[in-house]
Amino acid sequence: LGRVLFYDKKLSKDGTIACASCHHQELGFGDNVALSKGVYDRSTDRNSIALSSVSNFSAYYGTDLNGSQAIRFFWDNRAETAAEQSRGSLTNTKEMDMHMSEVVAAVQSHAYYEPLFKKAYGDFSVSEDRVTDAIANFVNAMGSYQSKFDQEAAKLASYYSNNYNNFAGYTAQENRGL
């Protein structure tokens, strides 16, 4: 359910933007431009933060799981949870520009959501909280476990206790970035 919502452009005012429009899977669910583009080709205030780090650093992200000292979402840290972050993007006039009541109505108007909500929640009751919760569950489950970094780190049992290792399979430039 969360994945379908994340990729659904019908949840934006002009029908052209989905969460995935600015959080590209091939870019760690981030963006490679200085200012991401939202509805009506509006520039956002910043580029989209890479969401793939949420799962990899789940011990730090989200106050719902990690208390008041956890890392918050958005560059200005205004959202405490992935659900709040989703709501913020759906309703931001430069991003998706919807009211949450419009998001709920859009979801209710598409038959393909009914079995997904029934599977996730046991019924087809669509609410603002269920929509943002489902997206948050998808975001919280994102992760990279087969990247070049993951493969090289697996070769070094002590990597996580000594951050100064170089990876044999990395270029000199990649090791400087490490």
C-alpha atoms as a PDB file:
ATOM      1  CA  LEU A   1       0.000   0.000   0.000  1.00  0.00           C
ATOM      2  CA  GLY A   2       2.689   2.479   0.972  1.00  0.00           C
ATOM      3  CA  ARG A   3       4.678   1.763  -2.189  1.00  0.00           C
ATOM      4  CA  VAL A   4       1.625   2.376  -4.400  1.00  0.00           C
ATOM      5  CA  LEU A   5       0.865   5.643  -2.597  1.00  0.00           C
ATOM      6  CA  PHE A   6       4.533   6.705  -2.867  1.00  0.00           C
ATOM      7  CA  TYR A   7       4.479   6.307  -6.662  1.00  0.00           C
ATOM      8  CA  ASP A   8       0.953   7.690  -7.282  1.00  0.00           C
ATOM      9  CA  LYS A   9       0.952  11.002  -9.199  1.00  0.00           C
ATOM     10  CA  LYS A  10      -2.818  11.315  -8.656  1.00  0.00           C
ATOM     11  CA  LEU A  11      -2.032  12.503  -5.134  1.00  0.00           C
ATOM     12  CA  SER A  12      -0.733  15.836  -6.446  1.00  0.00           C
ATOM     13  CA  LYS A  13      -2.759  18.891  -7.454  1.00  0.00           C
ATOM     14  CA  ASP A  14      -1.818  18.751 -11.147  1.00  0.00           C
ATOM     15  CA  GLY A  15      -1.450  14.967 -11.392  1.00  0.00           C
ATOM     16  CA  THR A  16       2.227  15.126 -12.371  1.00  0.00           C
ATOM     17  CA  ILE A  17       4.112  14.614  -9.097  1.00  0.00           C
ATOM     18  CA  ALA A  18       4.432  11.636  -6.784  1.00  0.00           C
ATOM     19  CA  CYS A  19       6.707  11.250  -3.782  1.00  0.00           C
ATOM     20  CA  ALA A  20       8.924   9.229  -6.131  1.00  0.00           C
ATOM     21  CA  SER A  21       9.203  12.210  -8.512  1.00  0.00           C
ATOM     22  CA  CYS A  22      11.674  13.827  -6.118  1.00  0.00           C
ATOM     23  CA  HIS A  23      12.815  10.705  -4.250  1.00  0.00           C
ATOM     24  CA  HIS A  24      14.275   8.645  -7.098  1.00  0.00           C
ATOM     25  CA  GLN A  25      14.933   5.021  -6.229  1.00  0.00           C
ATOM     26  CA  GLU A  26      18.090   4.923  -8.362  1.00  0.00           C
ATOM     27  CA  LEU A  27      19.470   7.884  -6.360  1.00  0.00           C
ATOM     28  CA  GLY A  28      18.977   6.414  -2.884  1.00  0.00           C
ATOM     29  CA  PHE A  29      15.426   7.801  -2.945  1.00  0.00           C
ATOM     30  CA  GLY A  30      16.847  11.316  -3.219  1.00  0.00           C
ATOM     31  CA  ASP A  31      17.281  13.892  -5.971  1.00  0.00           C
ATOM     32  CA  ASN A  32      20.331  15.034  -7.941  1.00  0.00           C
ATOM     33  CA  VAL A  33      19.325  18.641  -8.511  1.00  0.00           C
ATOM     34  CA  ALA A  34      19.796  21.647  -6.232  1.00  0.00           C
ATOM     35  CA  LEU A  35      16.054  22.375  -6.087  1.00  0.00           C
ATOM     36  CA  SER A  36      13.551  19.603  -6.687  1.00  0.00           C
ATOM     37  CA  LYS A  37      10.542  20.321  -8.908  1.00  0.00           C
ATOM     38  CA  GLY A  38       6.989  20.096  -7.607  1.00  0.00           C
ATOM     39  CA  VAL A  39       3.546  20.659  -9.101  1.00  0.00           C
ATOM     40  CA  TYR A  40       3.170  23.140 -11.944  1.00  0.00           C
ATOM     41  CA  ASP A  41       6.972  22.929 -12.361  1.00  0.00           C
ATOM     42  CA  ARG A  42       7.445  24.947  -9.150  1.00  0.00           C
ATOM     43  CA  SER A  43      10.891  24.810  -7.604  1.00  0.00           C
ATOM     44  CA  THR A  44      10.978  23.607  -4.027  1.00  0.00           C
ATOM     45  CA  ASP A  45      13.102  25.323  -1.400  1.00  0.00           C
ATOM     46  CA  ARG A  46      15.735  22.556  -1.347  1.00  0.00           C
ATOM     47  CA  ASN A  47      16.589  19.250  -2.948  1.00  0.00           C
ATOM     48  CA  SER A  48      14.964  16.095  -1.651  1.00  0.00           C
ATOM     49  CA  ILE A  49      16.784  14.321   1.137  1.00  0.00           C
ATOM     50  CA  ALA A  50      17.737  10.710   0.382  1.00  0.00           C
ATOM     51  CA  LEU A  51      15.207   8.509   2.138  1.00  0.00           C
ATOM     52  CA  SER A  52      17.194   5.284   1.832  1.00  0.00           C
ATOM     53  CA  SER A  53      19.157   6.361   4.888  1.00  0.00           C
ATOM     54  CA  VAL A  54      16.051   6.157   7.071  1.00  0.00           C
ATOM     55  CA  SER A  55      16.214   2.369   7.341  1.00  0.00           C
ATOM     56  CA  ASN A  56      19.997   2.217   7.488  1.00  0.00           C
ATOM     57  CA  PHE A  57      20.053   4.728  10.314  1.00  0.00           C
ATOM     58  CA  SER A  58      16.751   3.735  11.912  1.00  0.00           C
ATOM     59  CA  ALA A  59      18.367   3.871  15.331  1.00  0.00           C
ATOM     60  CA  TYR A  60      18.589   7.632  14.842  1.00  0.00           C
ATOM     61  CA  TYR A  61      15.667   8.746  12.638  1.00  0.00           C
ATOM     62  CA  GLY A  62      12.142   9.410  13.830  1.00  0.00           C
ATOM     63  CA  THR A  63      11.032  10.430  17.284  1.00  0.00           C
ATOM     64  CA  ASP A  64       8.231   7.851  17.189  1.00  0.00           C
ATOM     65  CA  LEU A  65      10.874   5.117  17.535  1.00  0.00           C
ATOM     66  CA  ASN A  66      13.830   6.893  19.076  1.00  0.00           C
ATOM     67  CA  GLY A  67      12.609   9.630  21.416  1.00  0.00           C
ATOM     68  CA  SER A  68      13.108  13.363  21.440  1.00  0.00           C
ATOM     69  CA  GLN A  69      16.819  13.291  20.556  1.00  0.00           C
ATOM     70  CA  ALA A  70      16.258  11.465  17.251  1.00  0.00           C
ATOM     71  CA  ILE A  71      17.053  12.978  13.860  1.00  0.00           C
ATOM     72  CA  ARG A  72      14.015  14.636  12.358  1.00  0.00           C
ATOM     73  CA  PHE A  73      12.907  14.777   8.735  1.00  0.00           C
ATOM     74  CA  PHE A  74      13.217  17.627   6.212  1.00  0.00           C
ATOM     75  CA  TRP A  75      16.345  19.758   6.042  1.00  0.00           C
ATOM     76  CA  ASP A  76      14.957  22.089   8.710  1.00  0.00           C
ATOM     77  CA  ASN A  77      14.022  19.186  11.027  1.00  0.00           C
ATOM     78  CA  ARG A  78      10.352  20.194  11.229  1.00  0.00           C
ATOM     79  CA  ALA A  79       8.884  16.684  10.963  1.00  0.00           C
ATOM     80  CA  GLU A  80       9.438  14.273  13.823  1.00  0.00           C
ATOM     81  CA  THR A  81       8.254  11.139  11.994  1.00  0.00           C
ATOM     82  CA  ALA A  82       8.122   9.772   8.462  1.00  0.00           C
ATOM     83  CA  ALA A  83       4.317  10.147   8.610  1.00  0.00           C
ATOM     84  CA  GLU A  84       4.669  13.869   9.411  1.00  0.00           C
ATOM     85  CA  GLN A  85       7.204  14.186   6.609  1.00  0.00           C
ATOM     86  CA  SER A  86       4.745  12.585   4.176  1.00  0.00           C
ATOM     87  CA  ARG A  87       1.949  14.912   5.248  1.00  0.00           C
ATOM     88  CA  GLY A  88       4.279  17.889   4.847  1.00  0.00           C
ATOM     89  CA  SER A  89       5.183  16.963   1.272  1.00  0.00           C
ATOM     90  CA  LEU A  90       1.614  16.129   0.241  1.00  0.00           C
ATOM     91  CA  THR A  91       0.340  19.506   1.485  1.00  0.00           C
ATOM     92  CA  ASN A  92       3.251  21.789   0.586  1.00  0.00           C
ATOM     93  CA  THR A  93       2.215  24.233  -2.171  1.00  0.00           C
ATOM     94  CA  LYS A  94       5.589  23.846  -3.905  1.00  0.00           C
ATOM     95  CA  GLU A  95       5.612  20.055  -3.717  1.00  0.00           C
ATOM     96  CA  MET A  96       2.279  18.217  -4.182  1.00  0.00           C
ATOM     97  CA  ASP A  97      -0.116  21.026  -3.140  1.00  0.00           C
ATOM     98  CA  MET A  98      -3.005  18.920  -1.842  1.00  0.00           C
ATOM     99  CA  HIS A  99      -5.166  19.251   1.245  1.00  0.00           C
ATOM    100  CA  MET A 100      -5.290  15.974   3.118  1.00  0.00           C
ATOM    101  CA  SER A 101      -9.042  15.765   2.480  1.00  0.00           C
ATOM    102  CA  GLU A 102      -8.235  15.870  -1.266  1.00  0.00           C
ATOM    103  CA  VAL A 103      -5.672  13.102  -0.832  1.00  0.00           C
ATOM    104  CA  VAL A 104      -8.246  10.931   0.964  1.00  0.00           C
ATOM    105  CA  ALA A 105     -10.815  11.618  -1.786  1.00  0.00           C
ATOM    106  CA  ALA A 106      -8.272  10.780  -4.506  1.00  0.00           C
ATOM    107  CA  VAL A 107      -7.453   7.468  -2.839  1.00  0.00           C
ATOM    108  CA  GLN A 108     -11.137   6.639  -2.339  1.00  0.00           C
ATOM    109  CA  SER A 109     -11.860   7.345  -6.024  1.00  0.00           C
ATOM    110  CA  HIS A 110      -9.498   4.633  -7.309  1.00  0.00           C
ATOM    111  CA  ALA A 111     -10.695   1.048  -7.019  1.00  0.00           C
ATOM    112  CA  TYR A 112      -7.172  -0.382  -6.973  1.00  0.00           C
ATOM    113  CA  TYR A 113      -6.701   0.961  -3.441  1.00  0.00           C
ATOM    114  CA  GLU A 114      -9.577  -1.028  -1.922  1.00  0.00           C
ATOM    115  CA  PRO A 115      -7.819  -4.429  -1.759  1.00  0.00           C
ATOM    116  CA  LEU A 116      -4.596  -2.762  -0.602  1.00  0.00           C
ATOM    117  CA  PHE A 117      -6.332  -1.020   2.320  1.00  0.00           C
ATOM    118  CA  LYS A 118      -8.223  -4.205   3.183  1.00  0.00           C
ATOM    119  CA  LYS A 119      -4.960  -6.158   3.258  1.00  0.00           C
ATOM    120  CA  ALA A 120      -3.166  -3.517   5.340  1.00  0.00           C
ATOM    121  CA  TYR A 121      -5.968  -2.459   7.696  1.00  0.00           C
ATOM    122  CA  GLY A 122      -8.738  -5.041   7.389  1.00  0.00           C
ATOM    123  CA  ASP A 123     -11.188  -2.665   5.715  1.00  0.00           C
ATOM    124  CA  PHE A 124     -11.409   0.080   3.089  1.00  0.00           C
ATOM    125  CA  SER A 125     -11.672   2.946   5.534  1.00  0.00           C
ATOM    126  CA  VAL A 126      -9.353   5.626   4.136  1.00  0.00           C
ATOM    127  CA  SER A 127      -8.175   8.364   6.479  1.00  0.00           C
ATOM    128  CA  GLU A 128      -5.408  10.954   6.528  1.00  0.00           C
ATOM    129  CA  ASP A 129      -3.610   8.981   9.213  1.00  0.00           C
ATOM    130  CA  ARG A 130      -3.832   5.696   7.319  1.00  0.00           C
ATOM    131  CA  VAL A 131      -2.461   7.282   4.137  1.00  0.00           C
ATOM    132  CA  THR A 132       0.501   8.892   5.897  1.00  0.00           C
ATOM    133  CA  ASP A 133       1.046   5.784   8.049  1.00  0.00           C
ATOM    134  CA  ALA A 134       1.194   3.563   4.955  1.00  0.00           C
ATOM    135  CA  ILE A 135       3.672   5.877   3.213  1.00  0.00           C
ATOM    136  CA  ALA A 136       5.739   6.046   6.413  1.00  0.00           C
ATOM    137  CA  ASN A 137       5.833   2.256   6.632  1.00  0.00           C
ATOM    138  CA  PHE A 138       7.178   2.120   3.077  1.00  0.00           C
ATOM    139  CA  VAL A 139       9.787   4.819   3.809  1.00  0.00           C
ATOM    140  CA  ASN A 140      10.805   3.160   7.073  1.00  0.00           C
ATOM    141  CA  ALA A 141      11.355  -0.121   5.221  1.00  0.00           C
ATOM    142  CA  MET A 142      13.657   1.348   2.550  1.00  0.00           C
ATOM    143  CA  GLY A 143      17.225   0.266   2.697  1.00  0.00           C
ATOM    144  CA  SER A 144      20.251  -0.684   0.722  1.00  0.00           C
ATOM    145  CA  TYR A 145      21.891  -3.937   1.581  1.00  0.00           C
ATOM    146  CA  GLN A 146      23.632  -4.874  -1.670  1.00  0.00           C
ATOM    147  CA  SER A 147      25.400  -1.656  -2.630  1.00  0.00           C
ATOM    148  CA  LYS A 148      29.113  -1.521  -3.341  1.00  0.00           C
ATOM    149  CA  PHE A 149      29.532  -0.110   0.181  1.00  0.00           C
ATOM    150  CA  ASP A 150      27.583  -3.001   1.728  1.00  0.00           C
ATOM    151  CA  GLN A 151      29.662  -5.551  -0.186  1.00  0.00           C
ATOM    152  CA  GLU A 152      32.973  -3.993   0.866  1.00  0.00           C
ATOM    153  CA  ALA A 153      31.889  -3.482   4.493  1.00  0.00           C
ATOM    154  CA  ALA A 154      30.906  -7.152   4.711  1.00  0.00           C
ATOM    155  CA  LYS A 155      34.500  -8.086   3.896  1.00  0.00           C
ATOM    156  CA  LEU A 156      35.761  -6.170   6.946  1.00  0.00           C
ATOM    157  CA  ALA A 157      34.330  -7.509  10.186  1.00  0.00           C
ATOM    158  CA  SER A 158      35.816  -4.560  12.085  1.00  0.00           C
ATOM    159  CA  TYR A 159      34.514  -1.778   9.796  1.00  0.00           C
ATOM    160  CA  TYR A 160      31.872  -0.534  12.213  1.00  0.00           C
ATOM    161  CA  SER A 161      34.332  -0.327  15.099  1.00  0.00           C
ATOM    162  CA  ASN A 162      37.050   1.376  13.029  1.00  0.00           C
ATOM    163  CA  ASN A 163      35.836   3.956  10.510  1.00  0.00           C
ATOM    164  CA  TYR A 164      39.355   4.554   9.164  1.00  0.00           C
ATOM    165  CA  ASN A 165      39.575   1.400   7.033  1.00  0.00           C
ATOM    166  CA  ASN A 166      40.025   1.593   3.302  1.00  0.00           C
ATOM    167  CA  PHE A 167      38.029  -0.775   1.149  1.00  0.00           C
ATOM    168  CA  ALA A 168      40.126  -2.903  -1.198  1.00  0.00           C
ATOM    169  CA  GLY A 169      37.392  -2.800  -3.839  1.00  0.00           C
ATOM    170  CA  TYR A 170      37.098   1.007  -3.758  1.00  0.00           C
ATOM    171  CA  THR A 171      38.982   3.494  -5.903  1.00  0.00           C
ATOM    172  CA  ALA A 172      41.242   6.024  -4.171  1.00  0.00           C
ATOM    173  CA  GLN A 173      38.547   8.671  -4.622  1.00  0.00           C
ATOM    174  CA  GLU A 174      35.857   6.401  -3.132  1.00  0.00           C
ATOM    175  CA  ASN A 175      38.092   5.639  -0.141  1.00  0.00           C
ATOM    176  CA  ARG A 176      38.649   9.389   0.426  1.00  0.00           C
ATOM    177  CA  GLY A 177      34.851   9.759   0.468  1.00  0.00           C
ATOM    178  CA  LEU A 178      34.560   6.835   2.844  1.00  0.00           C
END
